Amino acid sequence: MSRNRFLMFAALGLVLLLFTYIQKERAKDAYMSQKEDLLVFEKEAKELGGLKSKHGDKKAISRSVSTLLKIKAPSKDFTKSNSRVLEFEGLDKRVLNQLIKKIQNSTLEIRKLDIIRESASAAKLRVEIKK
């Protein structure tokens, strides 16, 4: 009987050893995946922080607006309920393209953008920018 008990304890010990090894490997895999997720989250958080500071920068907004004003002087420039409205009239396709590219590449928070064709070769652009 003692030999049977010894073999049973050895088999039970082997099973427990195998079980703990499998649990250790699972825990290790879970830790590695969580570590990768944390690194991705940290990278995204840094990007969001950079974008937030970039979009909240008043100097960058004023520089973007002054760049638009350098391309073509607006026919109307007024403030309307916490937003600035710029209206450009009589734009040919080259100037219109320049203005639209500058608006797209800027960090301005645009509330409304209207492009209205006045004639075959001229257009009107109305931009409403959040202050």
Protein backbone atom coordinates (compact mmCIF):
# COMPACT_ATOMS: atom_id res chain seq x y z
CA MET A 1 0.00 0.00 0.00
CA SER A 2 2.73 2.42 0.72
CA ARG A 3 4.02 2.08 -2.84
CA ASN A 4 0.54 2.83 -4.24
CA ARG A 5 0.26 5.85 -1.95
CA PHE A 6 3.68 7.04 -3.02
CA LEU A 7 2.72 6.76 -6.71
CA MET A 8 -0.60 8.48 -6.04
CA PHE A 9 1.12 11.35 -4.19
CA ALA A 10 3.71 11.60 -6.97
CA ALA A 11 0.97 11.71 -9.63
CA LEU A 12 -0.99 14.25 -7.59
CA GLY A 13 2.15 16.35 -7.12
CA LEU A 14 2.85 16.15 -10.87
CA VAL A 15 -0.70 17.25 -11.68
CA LEU A 16 -0.46 20.14 -9.20
CA LEU A 17 2.91 21.13 -10.63
CA LEU A 18 1.49 21.07 -14.16
CA PHE A 19 -1.56 23.06 -13.04
CA THR A 20 0.56 25.76 -11.38
CA TYR A 21 2.83 25.96 -14.45
CA ILE A 22 -0.18 26.47 -16.75
CA GLN A 23 -1.60 29.12 -14.39
CA LYS A 24 1.78 30.89 -14.28
CA GLU A 25 1.97 30.95 -18.09
CA ARG A 26 -1.59 32.30 -18.37
CA ALA A 27 -0.81 35.02 -15.81
CA LYS A 28 2.37 35.89 -17.70
CA ASP A 29 0.47 36.16 -21.02
CA ALA A 30 -2.24 38.30 -19.39
CA TYR A 31 0.41 40.58 -17.89
CA MET A 32 2.18 41.00 -21.24
CA SER A 33 -1.05 41.81 -23.07
CA GLN A 34 -2.03 44.34 -20.38
CA LYS A 35 1.42 45.87 -20.59
CA GLU A 36 1.07 46.28 -24.37
CA ASP A 37 -2.41 47.79 -23.91
CA LEU A 38 -1.00 50.21 -21.34
CA LEU A 39 1.77 51.30 -23.72
CA VAL A 40 -0.78 51.90 -26.50
CA PHE A 41 -3.00 53.84 -24.09
CA GLU A 42 -0.06 55.94 -22.92
CA LYS A 43 0.90 56.76 -26.52
CA GLU A 44 -2.68 57.76 -27.37
CA ALA A 45 -2.93 59.88 -24.21
CA LYS A 46 0.25 61.76 -25.14
CA GLU A 47 -1.07 62.36 -28.66
CA LEU A 48 -4.39 63.62 -27.29
CA GLY A 49 -2.60 65.90 -24.85
CA GLY A 50 -0.54 67.35 -27.70
CA LEU A 51 -3.62 67.87 -29.85
CA LYS A 52 -5.49 69.48 -26.96
CA SER A 53 -2.70 71.97 -26.34
CA LYS A 54 -2.36 72.61 -30.08
CA HIS A 55 -6.07 73.30 -30.54
CA GLY A 56 -6.35 75.41 -27.40
CA ASP A 57 -3.46 77.70 -28.31
CA LYS A 58 -4.85 81.21 -28.90
CA LYS A 59 -1.68 82.33 -30.68
CA ALA A 60 -1.95 79.51 -33.21
CA ILE A 61 -5.58 80.42 -33.86
CA SER A 62 -4.72 84.09 -34.39
CA ARG A 63 -1.81 83.09 -36.68
CA SER A 64 -4.13 80.92 -38.75
CA VAL A 65 -6.66 83.72 -39.09
CA SER A 66 -3.94 86.23 -40.02
CA THR A 67 -2.69 83.79 -42.67
CA LEU A 68 -6.20 83.67 -44.13
CA LEU A 69 -6.31 87.47 -44.10
CA LYS A 70 -2.97 87.64 -45.94
CA ILE A 71 -4.26 85.46 -48.76
CA LYS A 72 -7.26 87.73 -49.38
CA ALA A 73 -8.84 90.49 -47.36
CA PRO A 74 -12.36 89.52 -46.31
CA SER A 75 -15.29 91.61 -47.48
CA LYS A 76 -16.93 91.12 -44.07
CA ASP A 77 -15.30 90.34 -40.73
CA PHE A 78 -17.55 90.35 -37.67
CA THR A 79 -18.23 88.60 -34.38
CA LYS A 80 -21.41 86.61 -33.86
CA SER A 81 -22.23 84.93 -30.53
CA ASN A 82 -18.78 83.67 -29.50
CA SER A 83 -17.60 83.05 -33.05
CA ARG A 84 -15.80 85.06 -35.69
CA VAL A 85 -17.27 85.19 -39.19
CA LEU A 86 -15.13 85.87 -42.25
CA GLU A 87 -16.75 86.36 -45.66
CA PHE A 88 -14.67 86.41 -48.81
CA GLU A 89 -16.35 87.46 -52.03
CA GLY A 90 -15.22 87.41 -55.65
CA LEU A 91 -12.78 84.54 -55.26
CA ASP A 92 -11.29 82.88 -58.30
CA LYS A 93 -10.51 79.17 -58.14
CA ARG A 94 -6.82 79.62 -57.24
CA VAL A 95 -7.50 81.90 -54.25
CA LEU A 96 -10.47 79.77 -53.17
CA ASN A 97 -8.25 76.68 -53.27
CA GLN A 98 -5.56 78.43 -51.19
CA LEU A 99 -8.09 79.52 -48.57
CA ILE A 100 -9.67 76.07 -48.31
CA LYS A 101 -6.27 74.36 -47.98
CA LYS A 102 -5.23 76.77 -45.21
CA ILE A 103 -8.52 76.17 -43.38
CA GLN A 104 -8.17 72.39 -43.69
CA ASN A 105 -4.56 72.33 -42.49
CA SER A 106 -5.12 74.70 -39.58
CA THR A 107 -6.24 73.94 -36.04
CA LEU A 108 -9.22 76.26 -36.26
CA GLU A 109 -12.47 74.99 -34.82
CA ILE A 110 -14.86 75.66 -37.68
CA ARG A 111 -18.52 75.88 -36.85
CA LYS A 112 -19.75 76.52 -40.37
CA LEU A 113 -18.18 76.64 -43.83
CA ASP A 114 -20.19 77.77 -46.84
CA ILE A 115 -18.93 77.93 -50.41
CA ILE A 116 -21.34 79.66 -52.76
CA ARG A 117 -20.81 79.92 -56.51
CA GLU A 118 -21.50 83.48 -57.66
CA SER A 119 -20.67 82.93 -61.33
CA ALA A 120 -18.77 80.48 -63.52
CA SER A 121 -15.41 81.89 -62.41
CA ALA A 122 -16.14 83.44 -59.01
CA ALA A 123 -17.23 82.12 -55.65
CA LYS A 124 -18.02 83.34 -52.16
CA LEU A 125 -16.60 81.73 -49.00
CA ARG A 126 -18.15 82.16 -45.56
CA VAL A 127 -16.27 80.75 -42.55
CA GLU A 128 -17.55 80.75 -38.98
CA ILE A 129 -14.71 80.12 -36.51
CA LYS A 130 -15.11 79.50 -32.79
CA LYS A 131 -13.24 82.01 -30.66
